[in-house]
Amino acid sequence: MQSFSTHIVMMDDCEAILTYVYARCREHGALWFNYNFTPVFESHTSKDTFIWARDFPFEIQSLYMGHLREVDPVPRLTFELGPILTWTEACDAMKADDAAMTFRQTLCDLEIDNWASFALFGPRNRDGYVTMRFQNDPDLFEKGRLEEIHSMLLMGHLQICKIIDEGIPPVSLSDREREVLEWMGRGKSAGDIATILDISVETVRTYTKRIYEKLRTNDRVSATVRALKLGLVEL
């Protein structure tokens, strides 16, 4: 854990931080990973919440981003009952809520199991939230294992908060730069954005470079979160 924390505090790229954290979680048997960065005073399922996900099956990701995200009770339950909540614990907590039970049944129909969720409290209400599906049932993990995973997630989140909160001068984006950034935040590649906006890939890259320079970052995660924080884009 000491080597992990030493490495994290030296990193200044949000996407690299998340990639590194997920790699360490995979050592604990993580199969899917979903990190949410919640805008200040927004709900954890707000459409403005930034999501970084890896290895989710396309069908599940499409369903979640389509409508399940808005009715997902697990983030709220995790912050209320956590900061660590296994799927079994979440299911027990949903029994008194018909809407939550519908969400639970949808996941059961999709044969999704072995979940755990983690609440990540950040400075000045900059909270984060992670859900992971594991190879084995997290309820059966040895004592302290989920707590170790939570500590890694929290260290990564706090480092992201630190990067995001570094002094940023007033930023103004052109309409086209805002469009490019919004599509970046939705996970589109440079090629996808070029097709959507009917411009060349090279032009997209030029806009991306300008966006990074204005927002004082060099990766799309940091750029998107900073732009959300400054109210420059809506996702």
C-alpha atoms as a PDB file:
ATOM      1  CA  MET A   1       0.000   0.000   0.000  1.00  0.00           C
ATOM      2  CA  GLN A   2       2.870   2.391   0.734  1.00  0.00           C
ATOM      3  CA  SER A   3       4.311   1.940  -2.762  1.00  0.00           C
ATOM      4  CA  PHE A   4       0.831   2.524  -4.209  1.00  0.00           C
ATOM      5  CA  SER A   5       0.356   5.813  -2.327  1.00  0.00           C
ATOM      6  CA  THR A   6       3.881   6.956  -3.186  1.00  0.00           C
ATOM      7  CA  HIS A   7       3.202   6.340  -6.873  1.00  0.00           C
ATOM      8  CA  ILE A   8      -0.243   7.996  -6.841  1.00  0.00           C
ATOM      9  CA  VAL A   9       0.897  11.289  -5.301  1.00  0.00           C
ATOM     10  CA  MET A  10       3.526  11.648  -8.042  1.00  0.00           C
ATOM     11  CA  MET A  11       0.944  11.374 -10.840  1.00  0.00           C
ATOM     12  CA  ASP A  12      -0.573  14.427 -12.535  1.00  0.00           C
ATOM     13  CA  ASP A  13      -2.680  12.765 -15.254  1.00  0.00           C
ATOM     14  CA  CYS A  14      -6.221  11.801 -14.194  1.00  0.00           C
ATOM     15  CA  GLU A  15      -6.684   9.126 -16.827  1.00  0.00           C
ATOM     16  CA  ALA A  16      -3.355   7.552 -15.924  1.00  0.00           C
ATOM     17  CA  ILE A  17      -4.406   7.549 -12.258  1.00  0.00           C
ATOM     18  CA  LEU A  18      -7.651   5.721 -13.044  1.00  0.00           C
ATOM     19  CA  THR A  19      -5.867   3.240 -15.298  1.00  0.00           C
ATOM     20  CA  TYR A  20      -3.321   2.525 -12.561  1.00  0.00           C
ATOM     21  CA  VAL A  21      -5.993   2.159  -9.873  1.00  0.00           C
ATOM     22  CA  TYR A  22      -8.020  -0.225 -12.030  1.00  0.00           C
ATOM     23  CA  ALA A  23      -4.925  -2.305 -12.753  1.00  0.00           C
ATOM     24  CA  ARG A  24      -4.366  -2.726  -9.028  1.00  0.00           C
ATOM     25  CA  CYS A  25      -8.033  -3.592  -8.509  1.00  0.00           C
ATOM     26  CA  ARG A  26      -7.727  -6.281 -11.165  1.00  0.00           C
ATOM     27  CA  GLU A  27      -5.101  -7.886  -8.939  1.00  0.00           C
ATOM     28  CA  HIS A  28      -7.956  -8.276  -6.458  1.00  0.00           C
ATOM     29  CA  GLY A  29     -10.151  -9.957  -9.068  1.00  0.00           C
ATOM     30  CA  ALA A  30     -12.010  -6.944 -10.501  1.00  0.00           C
ATOM     31  CA  LEU A  31     -13.613  -7.664 -13.884  1.00  0.00           C
ATOM     32  CA  TRP A  32     -15.487  -4.409 -14.589  1.00  0.00           C
ATOM     33  CA  PHE A  33     -14.755  -0.942 -13.258  1.00  0.00           C
ATOM     34  CA  ASN A  34     -16.871   2.207 -13.153  1.00  0.00           C
ATOM     35  CA  TYR A  35     -15.704   5.529 -11.628  1.00  0.00           C
ATOM     36  CA  ASN A  36     -18.083   8.485 -11.279  1.00  0.00           C
ATOM     37  CA  PHE A  37     -16.954  12.021 -10.467  1.00  0.00           C
ATOM     38  CA  THR A  38     -19.948  13.913  -9.109  1.00  0.00           C
ATOM     39  CA  PRO A  39     -20.282  17.662  -9.790  1.00  0.00           C
ATOM     40  CA  VAL A  40     -20.657  19.733  -6.635  1.00  0.00           C
ATOM     41  CA  PHE A  41     -24.223  19.686  -5.268  1.00  0.00           C
ATOM     42  CA  GLU A  42     -25.383  17.228  -7.949  1.00  0.00           C
ATOM     43  CA  SER A  43     -26.749  13.730  -7.350  1.00  0.00           C
ATOM     44  CA  HIS A  44     -24.525  10.736  -8.014  1.00  0.00           C
ATOM     45  CA  THR A  45     -26.725   9.745 -10.967  1.00  0.00           C
ATOM     46  CA  SER A  46     -26.948  13.234 -12.487  1.00  0.00           C
ATOM     47  CA  LYS A  47     -26.524  13.482 -16.232  1.00  0.00           C
ATOM     48  CA  ASP A  48     -23.604  15.822 -15.497  1.00  0.00           C
ATOM     49  CA  THR A  49     -21.744  13.166 -13.510  1.00  0.00           C
ATOM     50  CA  PHE A  50     -18.553  12.160 -15.302  1.00  0.00           C
ATOM     51  CA  ILE A  51     -18.193   8.397 -15.823  1.00  0.00           C
ATOM     52  CA  TRP A  52     -14.979   6.490 -16.577  1.00  0.00           C
ATOM     53  CA  ALA A  53     -15.705   2.810 -17.211  1.00  0.00           C
ATOM     54  CA  ARG A  54     -13.602  -0.140 -18.300  1.00  0.00           C
ATOM     55  CA  ASP A  55     -14.492  -3.658 -19.492  1.00  0.00           C
ATOM     56  CA  PHE A  56     -18.270  -3.316 -19.159  1.00  0.00           C
ATOM     57  CA  PRO A  57     -20.067  -5.402 -21.809  1.00  0.00           C
ATOM     58  CA  PHE A  58     -21.517  -3.098 -24.456  1.00  0.00           C
ATOM     59  CA  GLU A  59     -25.091  -4.238 -23.763  1.00  0.00           C
ATOM     60  CA  ILE A  60     -24.804  -3.379 -20.069  1.00  0.00           C
ATOM     61  CA  GLN A  61     -23.138  -0.026 -20.745  1.00  0.00           C
ATOM     62  CA  SER A  62     -25.834   0.943 -23.275  1.00  0.00           C
ATOM     63  CA  LEU A  63     -28.661   0.022 -20.899  1.00  0.00           C
ATOM     64  CA  TYR A  64     -27.089   1.894 -18.014  1.00  0.00           C
ATOM     65  CA  MET A  65     -26.344   5.074 -19.943  1.00  0.00           C
ATOM     66  CA  GLY A  66     -29.752   4.874 -21.606  1.00  0.00           C
ATOM     67  CA  HIS A  67     -32.070   4.804 -18.602  1.00  0.00           C
ATOM     68  CA  LEU A  68     -30.815   2.645 -15.730  1.00  0.00           C
ATOM     69  CA  ARG A  69     -28.407   5.346 -14.581  1.00  0.00           C
ATOM     70  CA  GLU A  70     -31.258   7.704 -13.658  1.00  0.00           C
ATOM     71  CA  VAL A  71     -32.998   5.118 -11.452  1.00  0.00           C
ATOM     72  CA  ASP A  72     -29.906   3.453  -9.967  1.00  0.00           C
ATOM     73  CA  PRO A  73     -30.395   3.472  -6.160  1.00  0.00           C
ATOM     74  CA  VAL A  74     -27.004   1.941  -5.349  1.00  0.00           C
ATOM     75  CA  PRO A  75     -24.925   5.186  -5.276  1.00  0.00           C
ATOM     76  CA  ARG A  76     -27.347   6.760  -2.795  1.00  0.00           C
ATOM     77  CA  LEU A  77     -27.421   3.621  -0.665  1.00  0.00           C
ATOM     78  CA  THR A  78     -23.627   3.407  -0.686  1.00  0.00           C
ATOM     79  CA  PHE A  79     -23.226   6.969   0.596  1.00  0.00           C
ATOM     80  CA  GLU A  80     -25.953   6.401   3.175  1.00  0.00           C
ATOM     81  CA  LEU A  81     -24.940   2.927   4.380  1.00  0.00           C
ATOM     82  CA  GLY A  82     -21.346   2.441   3.174  1.00  0.00           C
ATOM     83  CA  PRO A  83     -18.729   3.586   2.444  1.00  0.00           C
ATOM     84  CA  ILE A  84     -18.487  -0.006   1.157  1.00  0.00           C
ATOM     85  CA  LEU A  85     -21.593  -1.852   0.041  1.00  0.00           C
ATOM     86  CA  THR A  86     -21.663  -5.347  -1.444  1.00  0.00           C
ATOM     87  CA  TRP A  87     -24.376  -6.385  -3.874  1.00  0.00           C
ATOM     88  CA  THR A  88     -25.979  -8.614  -1.233  1.00  0.00           C
ATOM     89  CA  GLU A  89     -26.141  -5.706   1.202  1.00  0.00           C
ATOM     90  CA  ALA A  90     -27.530  -3.399  -1.494  1.00  0.00           C
ATOM     91  CA  CYS A  91     -30.216  -5.927  -2.423  1.00  0.00           C
ATOM     92  CA  ASP A  92     -31.304  -6.172   1.207  1.00  0.00           C
ATOM     93  CA  ALA A  93     -31.519  -2.375   1.412  1.00  0.00           C
ATOM     94  CA  MET A  94     -33.683  -2.185  -1.732  1.00  0.00           C
ATOM     95  CA  LYS A  95     -36.486  -4.383  -0.406  1.00  0.00           C
ATOM     96  CA  ALA A  96     -38.554  -1.492   0.941  1.00  0.00           C
ATOM     97  CA  ASP A  97     -38.490   0.449  -2.340  1.00  0.00           C
ATOM     98  CA  ASP A  98     -40.499  -0.751  -5.358  1.00  0.00           C
ATOM     99  CA  ALA A  99     -38.463   1.312  -7.856  1.00  0.00           C
ATOM    100  CA  ALA A 100     -35.217  -0.021  -6.397  1.00  0.00           C
ATOM    101  CA  MET A 101     -36.554  -3.569  -6.607  1.00  0.00           C
ATOM    102  CA  THR A 102     -37.265  -3.036 -10.303  1.00  0.00           C
ATOM    103  CA  PHE A 103     -33.650  -1.959 -10.785  1.00  0.00           C
ATOM    104  CA  ARG A 104     -32.480  -4.981  -8.821  1.00  0.00           C
ATOM    105  CA  GLN A 105     -34.590  -7.330 -10.945  1.00  0.00           C
ATOM    106  CA  THR A 106     -33.180  -5.846 -14.150  1.00  0.00           C
ATOM    107  CA  LEU A 107     -29.633  -6.625 -13.013  1.00  0.00           C
ATOM    108  CA  CYS A 108     -30.675 -10.099 -11.877  1.00  0.00           C
ATOM    109  CA  ASP A 109     -32.240 -10.751 -15.302  1.00  0.00           C
ATOM    110  CA  LEU A 110     -28.909  -9.790 -16.851  1.00  0.00           C
ATOM    111  CA  GLU A 111     -27.210 -12.306 -14.510  1.00  0.00           C
ATOM    112  CA  ILE A 112     -24.976  -9.652 -12.995  1.00  0.00           C
ATOM    113  CA  ASP A 113     -23.529 -10.615  -9.632  1.00  0.00           C
ATOM    114  CA  ASN A 114     -20.436 -10.252  -7.409  1.00  0.00           C
ATOM    115  CA  TRP A 115     -20.702  -6.467  -7.203  1.00  0.00           C
ATOM    116  CA  ALA A 116     -19.364  -4.039  -4.648  1.00  0.00           C
ATOM    117  CA  SER A 117     -19.692  -0.262  -4.555  1.00  0.00           C
ATOM    118  CA  PHE A 118     -17.523   2.329  -2.825  1.00  0.00           C
ATOM    119  CA  ALA A 119     -18.310   5.883  -1.690  1.00  0.00           C
ATOM    120  CA  LEU A 120     -15.409   8.301  -2.122  1.00  0.00           C
ATOM    121  CA  PHE A 121     -15.818  11.498  -0.129  1.00  0.00           C
ATOM    122  CA  GLY A 122     -13.725  14.356  -1.484  1.00  0.00           C
ATOM    123  CA  PRO A 123     -12.869  17.889  -0.358  1.00  0.00           C
ATOM    124  CA  ARG A 124     -15.528  20.588  -0.798  1.00  0.00           C
ATOM    125  CA  ASN A 125     -18.212  18.072  -1.792  1.00  0.00           C
ATOM    126  CA  ARG A 126     -16.180  16.718  -4.687  1.00  0.00           C
ATOM    127  CA  ASP A 127     -17.367  13.170  -4.186  1.00  0.00           C
ATOM    128  CA  GLY A 128     -16.698  10.116  -6.289  1.00  0.00           C
ATOM    129  CA  TYR A 129     -18.238   6.679  -6.538  1.00  0.00           C
ATOM    130  CA  VAL A 130     -16.949   3.356  -7.837  1.00  0.00           C
ATOM    131  CA  THR A 131     -18.709   0.116  -8.675  1.00  0.00           C
ATOM    132  CA  MET A 132     -16.858  -3.053  -9.572  1.00  0.00           C
ATOM    133  CA  ARG A 133     -17.826  -6.540 -10.539  1.00  0.00           C
ATOM    134  CA  PHE A 134     -15.443  -9.157  -9.185  1.00  0.00           C
ATOM    135  CA  GLN A 135     -14.605 -12.647 -10.300  1.00  0.00           C
ATOM    136  CA  ASN A 136     -15.660 -13.962  -6.882  1.00  0.00           C
ATOM    137  CA  ASP A 137     -18.307 -12.925  -4.363  1.00  0.00           C
ATOM    138  CA  PRO A 138     -16.911  -9.934  -2.396  1.00  0.00           C
ATOM    139  CA  ASP A 139     -19.010 -11.005   0.606  1.00  0.00           C
ATOM    140  CA  LEU A 140     -16.593 -13.917   0.930  1.00  0.00           C
ATOM    141  CA  PHE A 141     -13.385 -11.864   0.700  1.00  0.00           C
ATOM    142  CA  GLU A 142     -10.972 -12.224   3.592  1.00  0.00           C
ATOM    143  CA  LYS A 143     -11.209  -9.595   6.310  1.00  0.00           C
ATOM    144  CA  GLY A 144      -9.751  -6.241   5.323  1.00  0.00           C
ATOM    145  CA  ARG A 145      -9.585  -6.869   1.569  1.00  0.00           C
ATOM    146  CA  LEU A 146     -12.480  -4.600   0.602  1.00  0.00           C
ATOM    147  CA  GLU A 147     -11.136  -1.949   2.962  1.00  0.00           C
ATOM    148  CA  GLU A 148      -7.755  -2.109   1.200  1.00  0.00           C
ATOM    149  CA  ILE A 149      -9.442  -1.695  -2.180  1.00  0.00           C
ATOM    150  CA  HIS A 150     -11.456   1.244  -0.822  1.00  0.00           C
ATOM    151  CA  SER A 151      -8.261   2.906   0.432  1.00  0.00           C
ATOM    152  CA  MET A 152      -6.696   2.662  -3.039  1.00  0.00           C
ATOM    153  CA  LEU A 153      -9.816   4.095  -4.677  1.00  0.00           C
ATOM    154  CA  LEU A 154      -9.944   6.953  -2.189  1.00  0.00           C
ATOM    155  CA  MET A 155      -6.269   7.827  -2.706  1.00  0.00           C
ATOM    156  CA  GLY A 156      -6.819   7.926  -6.452  1.00  0.00           C
ATOM    157  CA  HIS A 157      -9.923  10.083  -6.088  1.00  0.00           C
ATOM    158  CA  LEU A 158      -8.225  12.546  -3.755  1.00  0.00           C
ATOM    159  CA  GLN A 159      -5.306  12.906  -6.149  1.00  0.00           C
ATOM    160  CA  ILE A 160      -7.761  13.626  -8.977  1.00  0.00           C
ATOM    161  CA  CYS A 161      -9.451  16.240  -6.772  1.00  0.00           C
ATOM    162  CA  LYS A 162      -6.078  17.824  -6.110  1.00  0.00           C
ATOM    163  CA  ILE A 163      -5.300  18.016  -9.821  1.00  0.00           C
ATOM    164  CA  ILE A 164      -8.742  19.381 -10.664  1.00  0.00           C
ATOM    165  CA  ASP A 165      -8.577  22.000  -7.903  1.00  0.00           C
ATOM    166  CA  GLU A 166      -5.203  23.403  -8.890  1.00  0.00           C
ATOM    167  CA  GLY A 167      -5.462  27.076  -9.807  1.00  0.00           C
ATOM    168  CA  ILE A 168      -7.015  27.493 -13.219  1.00  0.00           C
ATOM    169  CA  PRO A 169      -7.247  30.933 -14.821  1.00  0.00           C
ATOM    170  CA  PRO A 170     -10.539  31.995 -16.449  1.00  0.00           C
ATOM    171  CA  VAL A 171     -11.180  29.815 -19.480  1.00  0.00           C
ATOM    172  CA  SER A 172     -13.170  30.567 -22.600  1.00  0.00           C
ATOM    173  CA  LEU A 173     -13.883  27.930 -25.224  1.00  0.00           C
ATOM    174  CA  SER A 174     -15.121  28.555 -28.728  1.00  0.00           C
ATOM    175  CA  ASP A 175     -18.389  26.924 -29.791  1.00  0.00           C
ATOM    176  CA  ARG A 176     -16.479  24.329 -31.804  1.00  0.00           C
ATOM    177  CA  GLU A 177     -14.041  23.599 -28.977  1.00  0.00           C
ATOM    178  CA  ARG A 178     -17.023  23.108 -26.661  1.00  0.00           C
ATOM    179  CA  GLU A 179     -18.619  20.691 -29.130  1.00  0.00           C
ATOM    180  CA  VAL A 180     -15.415  18.675 -29.451  1.00  0.00           C
ATOM    181  CA  LEU A 181     -14.986  18.534 -25.677  1.00  0.00           C
ATOM    182  CA  GLU A 182     -18.589  17.450 -25.108  1.00  0.00           C
ATOM    183  CA  TRP A 183     -18.186  14.545 -27.523  1.00  0.00           C
ATOM    184  CA  MET A 184     -14.851  13.649 -25.911  1.00  0.00           C
ATOM    185  CA  GLY A 185     -16.648  13.535 -22.565  1.00  0.00           C
ATOM    186  CA  ARG A 186     -19.130  11.092 -24.056  1.00  0.00           C
ATOM    187  CA  GLY A 187     -16.285   8.736 -24.919  1.00  0.00           C
ATOM    188  CA  LYS A 188     -16.055   9.424 -28.646  1.00  0.00           C
ATOM    189  CA  SER A 189     -12.740   8.999 -30.448  1.00  0.00           C
ATOM    190  CA  ALA A 190     -11.182  11.639 -32.687  1.00  0.00           C
ATOM    191  CA  GLY A 191     -12.455   9.713 -35.712  1.00  0.00           C
ATOM    192  CA  ASP A 192     -15.988   9.574 -34.306  1.00  0.00           C
ATOM    193  CA  ILE A 193     -15.975  13.299 -33.548  1.00  0.00           C
ATOM    194  CA  ALA A 194     -14.705  14.108 -37.042  1.00  0.00           C
ATOM    195  CA  THR A 195     -17.612  12.175 -38.560  1.00  0.00           C
ATOM    196  CA  ILE A 196     -20.213  13.700 -36.217  1.00  0.00           C
ATOM    197  CA  LEU A 197     -19.033  17.283 -36.803  1.00  0.00           C
ATOM    198  CA  ASP A 198     -18.128  16.754 -40.473  1.00  0.00           C
ATOM    199  CA  ILE A 199     -14.551  17.910 -40.062  1.00  0.00           C
ATOM    200  CA  SER A 200     -11.205  16.179 -40.512  1.00  0.00           C
ATOM    201  CA  VAL A 201      -9.530  14.082 -37.842  1.00  0.00           C
ATOM    202  CA  GLU A 202      -6.562  16.440 -37.943  1.00  0.00           C
ATOM    203  CA  THR A 203      -8.869  19.369 -37.237  1.00  0.00           C
ATOM    204  CA  VAL A 204     -10.292  17.492 -34.256  1.00  0.00           C
ATOM    205  CA  ARG A 205      -6.768  16.948 -32.964  1.00  0.00           C
ATOM    206  CA  THR A 206      -6.015  20.658 -33.370  1.00  0.00           C
ATOM    207  CA  TYR A 207      -9.101  21.568 -31.338  1.00  0.00           C
ATOM    208  CA  THR A 208      -8.170  18.949 -28.743  1.00  0.00           C
ATOM    209  CA  LYS A 209      -4.706  20.439 -28.383  1.00  0.00           C
ATOM    210  CA  ARG A 210      -6.204  23.925 -27.886  1.00  0.00           C
ATOM    211  CA  ILE A 211      -8.655  22.565 -25.286  1.00  0.00           C
ATOM    212  CA  TYR A 212      -5.848  20.897 -23.327  1.00  0.00           C
ATOM    213  CA  GLU A 213      -3.790  24.081 -23.412  1.00  0.00           C
ATOM    214  CA  LYS A 214      -6.689  26.231 -22.189  1.00  0.00           C
ATOM    215  CA  LEU A 215      -7.619  23.813 -19.411  1.00  0.00           C
ATOM    216  CA  ARG A 216      -3.989  23.175 -18.479  1.00  0.00           C
ATOM    217  CA  THR A 217      -4.199  19.414 -18.800  1.00  0.00           C
ATOM    218  CA  ASN A 218      -3.143  16.682 -21.183  1.00  0.00           C
ATOM    219  CA  ASP A 219      -5.866  14.032 -20.975  1.00  0.00           C
ATOM    220  CA  ARG A 220      -9.564  13.896 -21.732  1.00  0.00           C
ATOM    221  CA  VAL A 221     -10.638  12.887 -18.217  1.00  0.00           C
ATOM    222  CA  SER A 222      -9.050  15.936 -16.587  1.00  0.00           C
ATOM    223  CA  ALA A 223     -10.265  18.202 -19.392  1.00  0.00           C
ATOM    224  CA  THR A 224     -13.866  16.979 -19.110  1.00  0.00           C
ATOM    225  CA  VAL A 225     -14.029  17.176 -15.327  1.00  0.00           C
ATOM    226  CA  ARG A 226     -12.442  20.630 -15.249  1.00  0.00           C
ATOM    227  CA  ALA A 227     -14.823  21.866 -17.939  1.00  0.00           C
ATOM    228  CA  LEU A 228     -17.789  20.515 -15.975  1.00  0.00           C
ATOM    229  CA  LYS A 229     -16.486  22.207 -12.846  1.00  0.00           C
ATOM    230  CA  LEU A 230     -16.197  25.545 -14.687  1.00  0.00           C
ATOM    231  CA  GLY A 231     -19.617  25.165 -16.313  1.00  0.00           C
ATOM    232  CA  LEU A 232     -18.111  25.203 -19.797  1.00  0.00           C
ATOM    233  CA  VAL A 233     -19.911  22.073 -21.023  1.00  0.00           C
ATOM    234  CA  GLU A 234     -22.887  19.898 -20.207  1.00  0.00           C
ATOM    235  CA  LEU A 235     -22.906  16.150 -20.835  1.00  0.00           C
END
